[in-house]
Structures are given as structure tokens and as C-alpha cells.
Amino acid sequence: MARARSMDTGPRGHPYLMAAGIAAGLVAISAGVNAWLAKRAERANPPMGRFIEVDGIRLHYVEVGEGQPLVLFHGNGSMIQDFGSSGLIDMASRNYRVIAFDRPGYGYSDRPRTALWTNSAQAELFEKTLRQLGVRDALVLGHSWGASVAAALALKHPDMVRGLVLASGYYFPSIRMDVAVLSVPAIPVVGDVIRYAISPILTRLLWPLLLRRVFGPSPIPRKFRGFPKEMAVRPSQLRASAAESGLMILDAAFSRPGYSELKMPIVIIAGTEDRITDFHDQSARLHRELPRSVLHRVTGVGHMVHQSAPDAVLAAIDEAAGMQGREAIGTDWPDARGATSSPRQIRPRAASNTISESLP
């Protein structure tokens, strides 16, 4: 009997250890493959713009056009190519000096783990960046999470912002069941394993579903094929996206008390069928709290309003530019056609713009 027991103490007596070893090996292989795919994606999609270093952080940006500065901040999980593929950079550069950034952790911009990259922290970084670029008194457009950064920049440094265009933003805290799941890859150690070994594979598998959700009910435009999916599923970018998902409710809660201090021209634009940030709970509500703002409803369009209706977004930019110089206190902002700041319905037109050939 004793001999039989001693025989059972071999490897067969530890099936869980064997399973754990196999799992660890598979995780290591998956992480290695995903790291290789990330490098391949970067070789296939080299930087399209320039780099600037601010406080030891390297930021990637595209600058094109001449005229009044127009700064573009993309949303969560995105990068410069989102604005490029929409045609908005091409369209706006005819009249503006367009400066589009990869926000920290996206595209080719750094995101040091030594800092908590709230909307306020990003606003401080971009304030220094814009001053280094010689930019002041700019029009600033932010989409989705980028709208939070744009608003924070305007609150903290109003001298830098001549006018705001806030597109499909998240401005007020709400119950978001998806936040807990989406923010897991940002958790130290455990999240690192997930974002290297699991998240890239899962995101690739779910990519068509994710696009239908963010674009819906609008169709996904053919021009969006130019968006580099493989860059978006790199572990580094997935971590940035997860971290911002975890911060969005808290950032909105801290930002909300300051909205009334925004005195510059503000144009709010969003799709009425947005499935990511509810139009009525977010954009329409912000307009009610900022009676001097202008609200553009884009009928039947989802979260990606700049992709589905770039003409409407460009009109919002032009409107913010045209509102400059008006007294902000105690008046309603008229739109370009003399109407008051009440919400306006816009039906998007199909855009034929392709990815910009003029991007450096």
C-alpha cells in the first residue's frame, strides 16, 4: 500500500499543476504572437505626422492647412486616422490650420504609467504642447472622450480656447455596466496579462460587432476601411482605452461643476441615435445647462457623427468660428443663419471624402 501511494505522488498526481503549466505556456505564446502582430502593424502603418516632446512625453500629431488653428482630439480607442478617414481633416484644412493629435497611449503617442491620465491631466499636457507649437486662441474639437479633454482644456486654460466644438461627448456621470468590463485590461499585472494574451484576439473577433455598435444605426462608411484596425488592437493601445473607460464616470463627475464657467462659444453636435453616449442624457442636457451654447442634432446618426456626417461637423466648426467676438454673458448665441441657440435638426448627407492624400 505504501508503495502504491508513493507511485501516485508523481506528475499524474498533480493534474492542476500540469493544466496551469499548459495554460501559462499558451498565454506566453499568445502574448508573443500579439507583440509580433503589434510590431507588424506599426511597420505597415508608420507615423503620418510629426513628433513633439513635452515634459519627456513624445506626442504624435498631424498639422495641415493654414489659417485659424483648429485642434482635434479623437475619442477612446481611436487615433488620428479616424479624423483622416472621415475626410474632416481634408475639408477643414481648406480654411483652418488643422492640428490633430494622437492622445496619450494612442497611435504613436506615449502614455507613461507613472501618471493617471485623466481628462484634466491630458488638458495640462496639451496646453503645454500647444504653447510649444505657438498655438493660442484656437478652435478645439473633441469627439467622445476627446470632448472631455477639450472641455477640460477650456476650463483650465480659457485663454487657449477661442471656441469649443463638442461631438458625441460624455459629460455627466451615469450608470454604465460596461465600464467594469472594459476597464479590466488597465488593472496592473492581471490586466497586463489580459491585454497581451487575450484582449487583442477578443477585440479582433468582436470588431464587426463593435463597429456596428459605435456607428449604428448609420452604416459603416467604406472610407473607414482606411482605419488601421491592427494598430487599434495593440496591447499598448488597449491599455489606454481600458484606463479611459475606467476614468470616464469619475472624470465626468469632477468636470460637471465647472461647465457653467465656460464662457467661450460652444457648439454641441451629436447623433440622435447614439448608442454609446445617450443624446438626451448627455449632449441635450449639456445644452440645457449652457444656454449660450448651440446644439446640433444630427438625425438618425449614431456615435461616429464625424464619420457619418462630416459636413455637419464642419458646419459646426464654422459656426463656432463665426460666433467669436460676441458677448457671452446674458445672451443667446445665434447660429450662422440668425436663429437662436435652440436645437437644430440636421439630416446628414453622404460624404465622398477618402483618406487624405495630403497628410504628411
Foldseek 3Di string as FASTA:
>chain_A
DVVVVVVCVPPVVCVVVVVVVVVVVLLVVLLVVLQVLLVVLCVVPPQLDDWDADPNWIWGKFWAADEAEEEEAEAFLAFPQLLQLLCLVVVPRPHHGYIYIGQDLADPTHDDPVDQDFLLNSLVRVVRVCVVVVAAQHEYEYAESGLLNVLNNCLVPVRRHQEYEYELYAQAADDDPCLVVLQQLLDPPRNLSCLSRPQLVVCVVCVVVVVCQQWPPHDQDPQCVPGSVSSSSRSSSSNRSSSCSNCVNVSSVVCVVRLLVRQHEYEYEYECAENPHHCCVGRVVSCVVQVQYAYEYAYRTYRSCCNQAVVVSVQSSVQSVVQGPDGRPPDHGAGPVRHTRPYDYHYGDGDPDHRDPPRD
